């Protein structure tokens, strides 16, 4: 996993999701929020449900403590 300036955390009803978004989708557009652009155009990198981080698809848990620490520091969308 690579984290950069275009990685954001989105809170949903199902948990927290980390998205990587291409820079051209980060441009403000009328009637569109950063959260919506992340969900519509971003690539899921990780999902947190009930306190456990998973890879996309929620079948494989992320157990590496350094990766989890990085996920916890991703900025909110």
PDB file of N, CA and C in Angstrom:
ATOM      1  N   UNK A   1       0.830  -1.182   0.000  1.00  0.00           N
ATOM      2  CA  UNK A   1       0.000   0.000   0.000  1.00  0.00           C
ATOM      3  C   UNK A   1       0.873   1.243   0.000  1.00  0.00           C
ATOM      4  N   UNK A   2       0.501   2.182  -0.820  1.00  0.00           N
ATOM      5  CA  UNK A   2       1.211   3.449  -0.878  1.00  0.00           C
ATOM      6  C   UNK A   2       0.228   4.550  -0.511  1.00  0.00           C
ATOM      7  N   UNK A   3       0.617   5.390   0.443  1.00  0.00           N
ATOM      8  CA  UNK A   3      -0.243   6.484   0.869  1.00  0.00           C
ATOM      9  C   UNK A   3       0.367   7.788   0.399  1.00  0.00           C
ATOM     10  N   UNK A   4      -0.473   8.683  -0.089  1.00  0.00           N
ATOM     11  CA  UNK A   4       0.023   9.966  -0.561  1.00  0.00           C
ATOM     12  C   UNK A   4      -0.983  11.062  -0.293  1.00  0.00           C
ATOM     13  N   UNK A   5      -0.809  12.164  -0.999  1.00  0.00           N
ATOM     14  CA  UNK A   5      -1.677  13.317  -0.817  1.00  0.00           C
ATOM     15  C   UNK A   5      -3.090  13.073  -1.317  1.00  0.00           C
ATOM     16  N   UNK A   6      -3.306  12.011  -2.059  1.00  0.00           N
ATOM     17  CA  UNK A   6      -4.633  11.749  -2.606  1.00  0.00           C
ATOM     18  C   UNK A   6      -5.284  10.529  -1.956  1.00  0.00           C
ATOM     19  N   UNK A   7      -4.952  10.271  -0.708  1.00  0.00           N
ATOM     20  CA  UNK A   7      -5.542   9.167   0.054  1.00  0.00           C
ATOM     21  C   UNK A   7      -6.392   9.762   1.170  1.00  0.00           C
ATOM     22  N   UNK A   8      -7.665   9.309   1.250  1.00  0.00           N
ATOM     23  CA  UNK A   8      -8.599   9.890   2.210  1.00  0.00           C
ATOM     24  C   UNK A   8      -9.412   8.810   2.903  1.00  0.00           C
ATOM     25  N   UNK A   9      -9.825   9.125   4.137  1.00  0.00           N
ATOM     26  CA  UNK A   9     -10.674   8.250   4.935  1.00  0.00           C
ATOM     27  C   UNK A   9     -12.109   8.746   4.834  1.00  0.00           C
ATOM     28  N   UNK A  10     -13.022   7.844   4.504  1.00  0.00           N
ATOM     29  CA  UNK A  10     -14.443   8.167   4.383  1.00  0.00           C
ATOM     30  C   UNK A  10     -15.205   7.356   5.422  1.00  0.00           C
ATOM     31  N   UNK A  11     -16.028   8.030   6.210  1.00  0.00           N
ATOM     32  CA  UNK A  11     -16.885   7.359   7.193  1.00  0.00           C
ATOM     33  C   UNK A  11     -18.219   7.024   6.530  1.00  0.00           C
ATOM     34  N   UNK A  12     -18.640   5.761   6.629  1.00  0.00           N
ATOM     35  CA  UNK A  12     -19.915   5.324   6.062  1.00  0.00           C
ATOM     36  C   UNK A  12     -20.715   4.602   7.143  1.00  0.00           C
ATOM     37  N   UNK A  13     -21.921   4.192   6.791  1.00  0.00           N
ATOM     38  CA  UNK A  13     -22.755   3.424   7.726  1.00  0.00           C
ATOM     39  C   UNK A  13     -22.148   2.051   8.009  1.00  0.00           C
ATOM     40  N   UNK A  14     -21.277   1.587   7.123  1.00  0.00           N
ATOM     41  CA  UNK A  14     -20.707   0.249   7.243  1.00  0.00           C
ATOM     42  C   UNK A  14     -19.311   0.240   7.856  1.00  0.00           C
ATOM     43  N   UNK A  15     -18.791   1.402   8.166  1.00  0.00           N
ATOM     44  CA  UNK A  15     -17.456   1.484   8.743  1.00  0.00           C
ATOM     45  C   UNK A  15     -16.657   2.604   8.106  1.00  0.00           C
ATOM     46  N   UNK A  16     -15.346   2.489   8.210  1.00  0.00           N
ATOM     47  CA  UNK A  16     -14.444   3.486   7.627  1.00  0.00           C
ATOM     48  C   UNK A  16     -13.740   2.857   6.427  1.00  0.00           C
ATOM     49  N   UNK A  17     -13.613   3.636   5.361  1.00  0.00           N
ATOM     50  CA  UNK A  17     -13.003   3.143   4.136  1.00  0.00           C
ATOM     51  C   UNK A  17     -11.921   4.123   3.703  1.00  0.00           C
ATOM     52  N   UNK A  18     -10.742   3.598   3.375  1.00  0.00           N
ATOM     53  CA  UNK A  18      -9.650   4.418   2.862  1.00  0.00           C
ATOM     54  C   UNK A  18      -9.661   4.292   1.340  1.00  0.00           C
ATOM     55  N   UNK A  19      -9.705   5.458   0.681  1.00  0.00           N
ATOM     56  CA  UNK A  19      -9.708   5.520  -0.778  1.00  0.00           C
ATOM     57  C   UNK A  19      -8.466   6.231  -1.279  1.00  0.00           C
ATOM     58  N   UNK A  20      -7.945   5.767  -2.395  1.00  0.00           N
ATOM     59  CA  UNK A  20      -6.910   6.475  -3.135  1.00  0.00           C
ATOM     60  C   UNK A  20      -7.598   7.075  -4.351  1.00  0.00           C
ATOM     61  N   UNK A  21      -7.409   8.385  -4.543  1.00  0.00           N
ATOM     62  CA  UNK A  21      -8.113   9.096  -5.600  1.00  0.00           C
ATOM     63  C   UNK A  21      -7.095   9.744  -6.532  1.00  0.00           C
ATOM     64  N   UNK A  22      -7.308   9.611  -7.837  1.00  0.00           N
ATOM     65  CA  UNK A  22      -6.436  10.266  -8.808  1.00  0.00           C
ATOM     66  C   UNK A  22      -6.544  11.780  -8.634  1.00  0.00           C
ATOM     67  N   UNK A  23      -5.440  12.504  -8.744  1.00  0.00           N
ATOM     68  CA  UNK A  23      -5.443  13.956  -8.498  1.00  0.00           C
ATOM     69  C   UNK A  23      -6.462  14.746  -9.312  1.00  0.00           C
ATOM     70  N   UNK A  24      -6.746  14.331 -10.550  1.00  0.00           N
ATOM     71  CA  UNK A  24      -7.704  15.100 -11.356  1.00  0.00           C
ATOM     72  C   UNK A  24      -9.131  14.984 -10.822  1.00  0.00           C
ATOM     73  N   UNK A  25      -9.410  14.023  -9.959  1.00  0.00           N
ATOM     74  CA  UNK A  25     -10.732  13.907  -9.349  1.00  0.00           C
ATOM     75  C   UNK A  25     -10.836  14.724  -8.059  1.00  0.00           C
ATOM     76  N   UNK A  26      -9.742  15.327  -7.622  1.00  0.00           N
ATOM     77  CA  UNK A  26      -9.757  16.108  -6.391  1.00  0.00           C
ATOM     78  C   UNK A  26     -10.190  17.552  -6.629  1.00  0.00           C
ATOM     79  N   UNK A  27     -10.299  17.952  -7.887  1.00  0.00           N
ATOM     80  CA  UNK A  27     -10.686  19.324  -8.214  1.00  0.00           C
ATOM     81  C   UNK A  27     -12.128  19.559  -7.765  1.00  0.00           C
ATOM     82  N   UNK A  28     -12.343  20.678  -7.049  1.00  0.00           N
ATOM     83  CA  UNK A  28     -13.697  21.011  -6.586  1.00  0.00           C
ATOM     84  C   UNK A  28     -14.640  21.190  -7.770  1.00  0.00           C
ATOM     85  N   UNK A  29     -15.818  20.583  -7.637  1.00  0.00           N
ATOM     86  CA  UNK A  29     -16.860  20.717  -8.648  1.00  0.00           C
ATOM     87  C   UNK A  29     -18.149  21.128  -7.937  1.00  0.00           C
ATOM     88  N   UNK A  30     -18.914  22.019  -8.546  1.00  0.00           N
ATOM     89  CA  UNK A  30     -20.172  22.443  -7.912  1.00  0.00           C
ATOM     90  C   UNK A  30     -21.087  21.247  -7.654  1.00  0.00           C
ATOM     91  N   UNK A  31     -21.638  21.189  -6.450  1.00  0.00           N
ATOM     92  CA  UNK A  31     -22.565  20.121  -6.095  1.00  0.00           C
ATOM     93  C   UNK A  31     -21.913  18.795  -5.759  1.00  0.00           C
ATOM     94  N   UNK A  32     -20.591  18.759  -5.654  1.00  0.00           N
ATOM     95  CA  UNK A  32     -19.888  17.519  -5.354  1.00  0.00           C
ATOM     96  C   UNK A  32     -18.946  17.753  -4.172  1.00  0.00           C
ATOM     97  N   UNK A  33     -18.984  16.839  -3.222  1.00  0.00           N
ATOM     98  CA  UNK A  33     -18.085  16.943  -2.076  1.00  0.00           C
ATOM     99  C   UNK A  33     -16.895  16.012  -2.274  1.00  0.00           C
ATOM    100  N   UNK A  34     -15.851  16.252  -1.529  1.00  0.00           N
ATOM    101  CA  UNK A  34     -14.673  15.387  -1.598  1.00  0.00           C
ATOM    102  C   UNK A  34     -15.057  13.953  -1.231  1.00  0.00           C
ATOM    103  N   UNK A  35     -15.912  13.803  -0.241  1.00  0.00           N
ATOM    104  CA  UNK A  35     -16.375  12.469   0.181  1.00  0.00           C
ATOM    105  C   UNK A  35     -17.026  11.736  -0.989  1.00  0.00           C
ATOM    106  N   UNK A  36     -17.909  12.435  -1.718  1.00  0.00           N
ATOM    107  CA  UNK A  36     -18.596  11.815  -2.856  1.00  0.00           C
ATOM    108  C   UNK A  36     -17.620  11.461  -3.970  1.00  0.00           C
ATOM    109  N   UNK A  37     -16.649  12.351  -4.236  1.00  0.00           N
ATOM    110  CA  UNK A  37     -15.671  12.065  -5.283  1.00  0.00           C
ATOM    111  C   UNK A  37     -14.809  10.869  -4.905  1.00  0.00           C
ATOM    112  N   UNK A  38     -14.463  10.744  -3.629  1.00  0.00           N
ATOM    113  CA  UNK A  38     -13.695   9.565  -3.182  1.00  0.00           C
ATOM    114  C   UNK A  38     -14.486   8.292  -3.429  1.00  0.00           C
ATOM    115  N   UNK A  39     -15.753   8.309  -3.051  1.00  0.00           N
ATOM    116  CA  UNK A  39     -16.577   7.106  -3.184  1.00  0.00           C
ATOM    117  C   UNK A  39     -16.875   6.775  -4.653  1.00  0.00           C
ATOM    118  N   UNK A  40     -17.026   7.802  -5.503  1.00  0.00           N
ATOM    119  CA  UNK A  40     -17.378   7.567  -6.903  1.00  0.00           C
ATOM    120  C   UNK A  40     -16.179   7.233  -7.783  1.00  0.00           C
ATOM    121  N   UNK A  41     -15.038   7.863  -7.522  1.00  0.00           N
ATOM    122  CA  UNK A  41     -13.902   7.731  -8.417  1.00  0.00           C
ATOM    123  C   UNK A  41     -12.673   7.089  -7.778  1.00  0.00           C
ATOM    124  N   UNK A  42     -12.691   6.916  -6.474  1.00  0.00           N
ATOM    125  CA  UNK A  42     -11.524   6.392  -5.788  1.00  0.00           C
ATOM    126  C   UNK A  42     -11.416   4.878  -5.828  1.00  0.00           C
ATOM    127  N   UNK A  43     -10.229   4.417  -5.515  1.00  0.00           N
ATOM    128  CA  UNK A  43      -9.931   2.988  -5.425  1.00  0.00           C
ATOM    129  C   UNK A  43      -9.838   2.618  -3.945  1.00  0.00           C
ATOM    130  N   UNK A  44     -10.660   1.656  -3.511  1.00  0.00           N
ATOM    131  CA  UNK A  44     -10.625   1.224  -2.106  1.00  0.00           C
ATOM    132  C   UNK A  44      -9.285   0.584  -1.790  1.00  0.00           C
ATOM    133  N   UNK A  45      -8.703   1.031  -0.682  1.00  0.00           N
ATOM    134  CA  UNK A  45      -7.431   0.459  -0.248  1.00  0.00           C
ATOM    135  C   UNK A  45      -7.594  -0.380   1.008  1.00  0.00           C
ATOM    136  N   UNK A  46      -8.534   0.014   1.876  1.00  0.00           N
ATOM    137  CA  UNK A  46      -8.749  -0.716   3.132  1.00  0.00           C
ATOM    138  C   UNK A  46     -10.107  -0.345   3.693  1.00  0.00           C
ATOM    139  N   UNK A  47     -10.663  -1.259   4.494  1.00  0.00           N
ATOM    140  CA  UNK A  47     -11.964  -1.062   5.127  1.00  0.00           C
ATOM    141  C   UNK A  47     -11.833  -1.411   6.604  1.00  0.00           C
ATOM    142  N   UNK A  48     -12.380  -0.567   7.473  1.00  0.00           N
ATOM    143  CA  UNK A  48     -12.379  -0.861   8.905  1.00  0.00           C
ATOM    144  C   UNK A  48     -13.808  -1.093   9.351  1.00  0.00           C
ATOM    145  N   UNK A  49     -14.055  -2.260   9.902  1.00  0.00           N
ATOM    146  CA  UNK A  49     -15.381  -2.604  10.397  1.00  0.00           C
ATOM    147  C   UNK A  49     -15.211  -3.236  11.771  1.00  0.00           C
ATOM    148  N   UNK A  50     -15.934  -2.709  12.744  1.00  0.00           N
ATOM    149  CA  UNK A  50     -15.899  -3.214  14.122  1.00  0.00           C
ATOM    150  C   UNK A  50     -14.470  -3.211  14.683  1.00  0.00           C
ATOM    151  N   UNK A  51     -13.691  -2.184  14.317  1.00  0.00           N
ATOM    152  CA  UNK A  51     -12.356  -2.040  14.864  1.00  0.00           C
ATOM    153  C   UNK A  51     -11.272  -2.860  14.184  1.00  0.00           C
ATOM    154  N   UNK A  52     -11.609  -3.645  13.182  1.00  0.00           N
ATOM    155  CA  UNK A  52     -10.639  -4.472  12.455  1.00  0.00           C
ATOM    156  C   UNK A  52     -10.478  -3.947  11.034  1.00  0.00           C
ATOM    157  N   UNK A  53      -9.227  -3.746  10.600  1.00  0.00           N
ATOM    158  CA  UNK A  53      -8.948  -3.319   9.238  1.00  0.00           C
ATOM    159  C   UNK A  53      -8.860  -4.527   8.316  1.00  0.00           C
ATOM    160  N   UNK A  54      -9.438  -4.389   7.114  1.00  0.00           N
ATOM    161  CA  UNK A  54      -9.433  -5.447   6.106  1.00  0.00           C
ATOM    162  C   UNK A  54      -8.986  -4.885   4.765  1.00  0.00           C
ATOM    163  N   UNK A  55      -8.500  -5.776   3.921  1.00  0.00           N
ATOM    164  CA  UNK A  55      -8.244  -5.407   2.531  1.00  0.00           C
ATOM    165  C   UNK A  55      -9.601  -5.310   1.832  1.00  0.00           C
ATOM    166  N   UNK A  56      -9.672  -4.627   0.669  1.00  0.00           N
ATOM    167  CA  UNK A  56     -10.958  -4.531  -0.033  1.00  0.00           C
ATOM    168  C   UNK A  56     -11.593  -5.903  -0.220  1.00  0.00           C
ATOM    169  N   UNK A  57     -12.889  -5.974  -0.030  1.00  0.00           N
ATOM    170  CA  UNK A  57     -13.608  -7.246  -0.089  1.00  0.00           C
ATOM    171  C   UNK A  57     -13.846  -7.840   1.287  1.00  0.00           C
ATOM    172  N   UNK A  58     -13.140  -7.342   2.292  1.00  0.00           N
ATOM    173  CA  UNK A  58     -13.293  -7.723   3.698  1.00  0.00           C
ATOM    174  C   UNK A  58     -13.105  -9.214   3.963  1.00  0.00           C
ATOM    175  N   UNK A  59     -12.288  -9.873   3.164  1.00  0.00           N
ATOM    176  CA  UNK A  59     -12.017 -11.293   3.413  1.00  0.00           C
ATOM    177  C   UNK A  59     -10.672 -11.514   4.082  1.00  0.00           C
ATOM    178  N   UNK A  60      -9.757 -10.563   3.876  1.00  0.00           N
ATOM    179  CA  UNK A  60      -8.406 -10.718   4.411  1.00  0.00           C
ATOM    180  C   UNK A  60      -8.107  -9.596   5.403  1.00  0.00           C
ATOM    181  N   UNK A  61      -7.959  -9.917   6.684  1.00  0.00           N
ATOM    182  CA  UNK A  61      -7.658  -8.870   7.667  1.00  0.00           C
ATOM    183  C   UNK A  61      -6.242  -8.322   7.487  1.00  0.00           C
ATOM    184  N   UNK A  62      -6.065  -7.064   7.835  1.00  0.00           N
ATOM    185  CA  UNK A  62      -4.742  -6.445   7.832  1.00  0.00           C
ATOM    186  C   UNK A  62      -4.219  -6.554   9.261  1.00  0.00           C
ATOM    187  N   UNK A  63      -3.116  -7.243   9.433  1.00  0.00           N
ATOM    188  CA  UNK A  63      -2.584  -7.507  10.769  1.00  0.00           C
ATOM    189  C   UNK A  63      -1.284  -6.767  11.062  1.00  0.00           C
ATOM    190  N   UNK A  64      -0.639  -6.227  10.032  1.00  0.00           N
ATOM    191  CA  UNK A  64       0.625  -5.521  10.201  1.00  0.00           C
ATOM    192  C   UNK A  64       0.392  -4.218  10.968  1.00  0.00           C
ATOM    193  N   UNK A  65       1.043  -4.080  12.113  1.00  0.00           N
ATOM    194  CA  UNK A  65       0.799  -2.918  12.979  1.00  0.00           C
ATOM    195  C   UNK A  65       1.255  -1.609  12.345  1.00  0.00           C
ATOM    196  N   UNK A  66       2.303  -1.636  11.533  1.00  0.00           N
ATOM    197  CA  UNK A  66       2.757  -0.406  10.867  1.00  0.00           C
ATOM    198  C   UNK A  66       1.740   0.051   9.822  1.00  0.00           C
ATOM    199  N   UNK A  67       1.180  -0.884   9.082  1.00  0.00           N
ATOM    200  CA  UNK A  67       0.157  -0.540   8.091  1.00  0.00           C
ATOM    201  C   UNK A  67      -1.083   0.012   8.780  1.00  0.00           C
ATOM    202  N   UNK A  68      -1.491  -0.598   9.876  1.00  0.00           N
ATOM    203  CA  UNK A  68      -2.651  -0.121  10.621  1.00  0.00           C
ATOM    204  C   UNK A  68      -2.404   1.284  11.150  1.00  0.00           C
ATOM    205  N   UNK A  69      -1.200   1.535  11.635  1.00  0.00           N
ATOM    206  CA  UNK A  69      -0.857   2.891  12.137  1.00  0.00           C
ATOM    207  C   UNK A  69      -0.964   3.909  10.996  1.00  0.00           C
ATOM    208  N   UNK A  70      -0.533   3.565   9.810  1.00  0.00           N
ATOM    209  CA  UNK A  70      -0.666   4.461   8.662  1.00  0.00           C
ATOM    210  C   UNK A  70      -2.134   4.698   8.316  1.00  0.00           C
ATOM    211  N   UNK A  71      -2.930   3.639   8.328  1.00  0.00           N
ATOM    212  CA  UNK A  71      -4.350   3.774   8.020  1.00  0.00           C
ATOM    213  C   UNK A  71      -5.056   4.696   9.017  1.00  0.00           C
ATOM    214  N   UNK A  72      -4.667   4.602  10.270  1.00  0.00           N
ATOM    215  CA  UNK A  72      -5.303   5.426  11.303  1.00  0.00           C
ATOM    216  C   UNK A  72      -4.965   6.909  11.146  1.00  0.00           C
ATOM    217  N   UNK A  73      -3.896   7.227  10.424  1.00  0.00           N
ATOM    218  CA  UNK A  73      -3.483   8.620  10.248  1.00  0.00           C
ATOM    219  C   UNK A  73      -3.946   9.241   8.937  1.00  0.00           C
ATOM    220  N   UNK A  74      -4.666   8.506   8.103  1.00  0.00           N
ATOM    221  CA  UNK A  74      -5.140   9.045   6.834  1.00  0.00           C
ATOM    222  C   UNK A  74      -6.159  10.153   7.123  1.00  0.00           C
ATOM    223  N   UNK A  75      -6.057  11.314   6.433  1.00  0.00           N
ATOM    224  CA  UNK A  75      -6.981  12.409   6.695  1.00  0.00           C
ATOM    225  C   UNK A  75      -8.411  12.102   6.240  1.00  0.00           C
ATOM    226  N   UNK A  76      -9.372  12.690   6.935  1.00  0.00           N
ATOM    227  CA  UNK A  76     -10.787  12.525   6.577  1.00  0.00           C
ATOM    228  C   UNK A  76     -11.124  13.291   5.317  1.00  0.00           C
ATOM    229  N   UNK A  77     -12.030  12.723   4.539  1.00  0.00           N
ATOM    230  CA  UNK A  77     -12.512  13.415   3.334  1.00  0.00           C
ATOM    231  C   UNK A  77     -13.610  14.374   3.717  1.00  0.00           C
TER     232      UNK A  77
END
